[in-house]
C-alpha atoms as a PDB file:
ATOM      1  CA  MET A   1     -10.653   8.481  15.806  1.00  0.00           C
ATOM      2  CA  GLU A   2     -10.125   7.537  12.357  1.00  0.00           C
ATOM      3  CA  LYS A   3     -12.418   4.689  10.973  1.00  0.00           C
ATOM      4  CA  TYR A   4     -10.832   2.576   8.268  1.00  0.00           C
ATOM      5  CA  LYS A   5     -13.236   1.058   5.710  1.00  0.00           C
ATOM      6  CA  THR A   6     -10.652  -1.991   5.809  1.00  0.00           C
ATOM      7  CA  LYS A   7      -7.743  -2.693   7.736  1.00  0.00           C
ATOM      8  CA  ILE A   8      -4.236  -2.246   6.509  1.00  0.00           C
ATOM      9  CA  LYS A   9      -2.523  -5.768   7.085  1.00  0.00           C
ATOM     10  CA  SER A  10       1.191  -4.609   6.296  1.00  0.00           C
ATOM     11  CA  VAL A  11       3.039  -1.880   4.487  1.00  0.00           C
ATOM     12  CA  TYR A  12       6.312  -2.492   2.454  1.00  0.00           C
ATOM     13  CA  ASP A  13       9.098  -0.435   0.934  1.00  0.00           C
ATOM     14  CA  ASN A  14      11.519  -2.148  -1.525  1.00  0.00           C
ATOM     15  CA  GLN A  15      14.107   0.669  -1.244  1.00  0.00           C
ATOM     16  CA  GLY A  16      13.603   1.925  -4.778  1.00  0.00           C
ATOM     17  CA  LYS A  17      14.512  -1.497  -6.590  1.00  0.00           C
ATOM     18  CA  THR A  18      11.342  -0.877  -8.527  1.00  0.00           C
ATOM     19  CA  PHE A  19       9.108   2.297  -9.511  1.00  0.00           C
ATOM     20  CA  ASP A  20       6.485   0.919  -7.259  1.00  0.00           C
ATOM     21  CA  ARG A  21       8.533   1.269  -4.297  1.00  0.00           C
ATOM     22  CA  PHE A  22       5.669   1.077  -1.693  1.00  0.00           C
ATOM     23  CA  THR A  23       3.003  -1.641  -1.168  1.00  0.00           C
ATOM     24  CA  VAL A  24       0.044  -1.389   1.182  1.00  0.00           C
ATOM     25  CA  VAL A  25      -1.567  -4.773   1.695  1.00  0.00           C
ATOM     26  CA  PHE A  26      -4.958  -4.809   2.902  1.00  0.00           C
ATOM     27  CA  VAL A  27      -6.382  -7.528   5.004  1.00  0.00           C
ATOM     28  CA  ASP A  28     -10.072  -7.732   4.289  1.00  0.00           C
ATOM     29  CA  PHE A  29      -9.512  -9.270   0.863  1.00  0.00           C
ATOM     30  CA  ALA A  30      -7.789 -12.478   0.775  1.00  0.00           C
ATOM     31  CA  ASP A  31      -8.905 -14.922  -1.893  1.00  0.00           C
ATOM     32  CA  TYR A  32      -8.573 -18.626  -1.816  1.00  0.00           C
ATOM     33  CA  GLU A  33      -5.031 -18.610  -2.863  1.00  0.00           C
ATOM     34  CA  ASN A  34      -3.756 -16.146  -0.385  1.00  0.00           C
ATOM     35  CA  HIS A  35      -3.653 -13.436  -2.734  1.00  0.00           C
ATOM     36  CA  TYR A  36      -4.464 -10.064  -1.008  1.00  0.00           C
ATOM     37  CA  THR A  37      -5.436  -6.651  -2.455  1.00  0.00           C
ATOM     38  CA  CYS A  38      -2.549  -4.379  -2.569  1.00  0.00           C
ATOM     39  CA  LEU A  39      -1.986  -0.827  -3.371  1.00  0.00           C
ATOM     40  CA  GLY A  40       1.369  -0.067  -5.070  1.00  0.00           C
ATOM     41  CA  MET A  41       2.684   3.329  -5.141  1.00  0.00           C
ATOM     42  CA  SER A  42       5.703   5.303  -6.143  1.00  0.00           C
ATOM     43  CA  PHE A  43       7.272   8.048  -3.808  1.00  0.00           C
ATOM     44  CA  ASN A  44       5.108  10.554  -5.580  1.00  0.00           C
ATOM     45  CA  PRO A  45       1.922   8.725  -6.248  1.00  0.00           C
ATOM     46  CA  THR A  46      -0.406  11.478  -7.371  1.00  0.00           C
ATOM     47  CA  SER A  47       1.884  13.234  -9.734  1.00  0.00           C
ATOM     48  CA  PRO A  48       1.381  12.581 -13.568  1.00  0.00           C
ATOM     49  CA  GLN A  49       4.901  10.756 -13.460  1.00  0.00           C
ATOM     50  CA  GLY A  50       4.080   8.702 -10.316  1.00  0.00           C
ATOM     51  CA  TYR A  51       2.542   5.350  -9.829  1.00  0.00           C
ATOM     52  CA  CYS A  52      -0.675   4.365  -7.982  1.00  0.00           C
ATOM     53  CA  MET A  53      -2.328   1.107  -8.686  1.00  0.00           C
ATOM     54  CA  HIS A  54      -4.374  -1.505  -6.932  1.00  0.00           C
ATOM     55  CA  SER A  55      -3.222  -5.160  -7.741  1.00  0.00           C
ATOM     56  CA  ALA A  56      -3.613  -8.532  -5.953  1.00  0.00           C
ATOM     57  CA  GLY A  57      -0.605 -10.160  -4.406  1.00  0.00           C
ATOM     58  CA  LYS A  58       1.056 -12.523  -1.879  1.00  0.00           C
ATOM     59  CA  ILE A  59       2.940 -11.367   0.769  1.00  0.00           C
ATOM     60  CA  GLY A  60       6.648 -12.095   1.127  1.00  0.00           C
ATOM     61  CA  GLU A  61      10.158 -10.737   0.925  1.00  0.00           C
ATOM     62  CA  HIS A  62       9.609  -9.952  -2.833  1.00  0.00           C
ATOM     63  CA  LEU A  63       7.701  -6.625  -1.502  1.00  0.00           C
ATOM     64  CA  GLY A  64      10.784  -5.440   0.457  1.00  0.00           C
ATOM     65  CA  LYS A  65      11.257  -4.375   3.953  1.00  0.00           C
ATOM     66  CA  ARG A  66       8.115  -4.141   6.253  1.00  0.00           C
ATOM     67  CA  ILE A  67       7.570  -0.578   7.639  1.00  0.00           C
ATOM     68  CA  ARG A  68       5.116   1.041   9.727  1.00  0.00           C
ATOM     69  CA  PHE A  69       2.236   3.171   7.872  1.00  0.00           C
ATOM     70  CA  ASP A  70       3.815   6.315   9.210  1.00  0.00           C
ATOM     71  CA  GLN A  71       7.142   5.785   7.688  1.00  0.00           C
ATOM     72  CA  LEU A  72       5.334   5.915   4.216  1.00  0.00           C
ATOM     73  CA  PRO A  73       5.849   9.537   2.251  1.00  0.00           C
ATOM     74  CA  ASP A  74       3.365  12.010   3.427  1.00  0.00           C
ATOM     75  CA  GLU A  75       1.788  11.960  -0.181  1.00  0.00           C
ATOM     76  CA  CYS A  76       1.395   8.202   0.050  1.00  0.00           C
ATOM     77  CA  GLN A  77      -0.445   8.223   3.270  1.00  0.00           C
ATOM     78  CA  ILE A  78      -2.931  10.793   1.961  1.00  0.00           C
ATOM     79  CA  VAL A  79      -3.701   8.478  -0.852  1.00  0.00           C
ATOM     80  CA  VAL A  80      -4.298   5.576   1.348  1.00  0.00           C
ATOM     81  CA  LYS A  81      -6.496   7.686   3.893  1.00  0.00           C
ATOM     82  CA  SER A  82      -8.501   9.394   0.887  1.00  0.00           C
ATOM     83  CA  MET A  83      -9.369   5.863  -0.279  1.00  0.00           C
ATOM     84  CA  TYR A  84      -9.944   3.884   2.740  1.00  0.00           C
ATOM     85  CA  ILE A  85     -10.768   6.068   5.650  1.00  0.00           C
ATOM     86  CA  VAL A  86     -14.511   6.841   6.653  1.00  0.00           C
ATOM     87  CA  ASP A  87     -15.051  10.403   8.082  1.00  0.00           C
END
């Protein structure tokens, strides 16, 4: 069974409205203003023309439609797993 270094709170897809289409929000790092650690990604986050960057943000409709982790593109799932899953 996979063990996460941190837990995923939610995953969002803004349907391509911005280049950083997908946002993964992590539960372990909310600050005093209710900002969470997030990972924003494009469809191809490991490409030189892709996007993959951590940030802090609030959860809300501005992130897009909530989706399940397994609905992320495979490349996005691999990025999250490589950063946050302990073998």
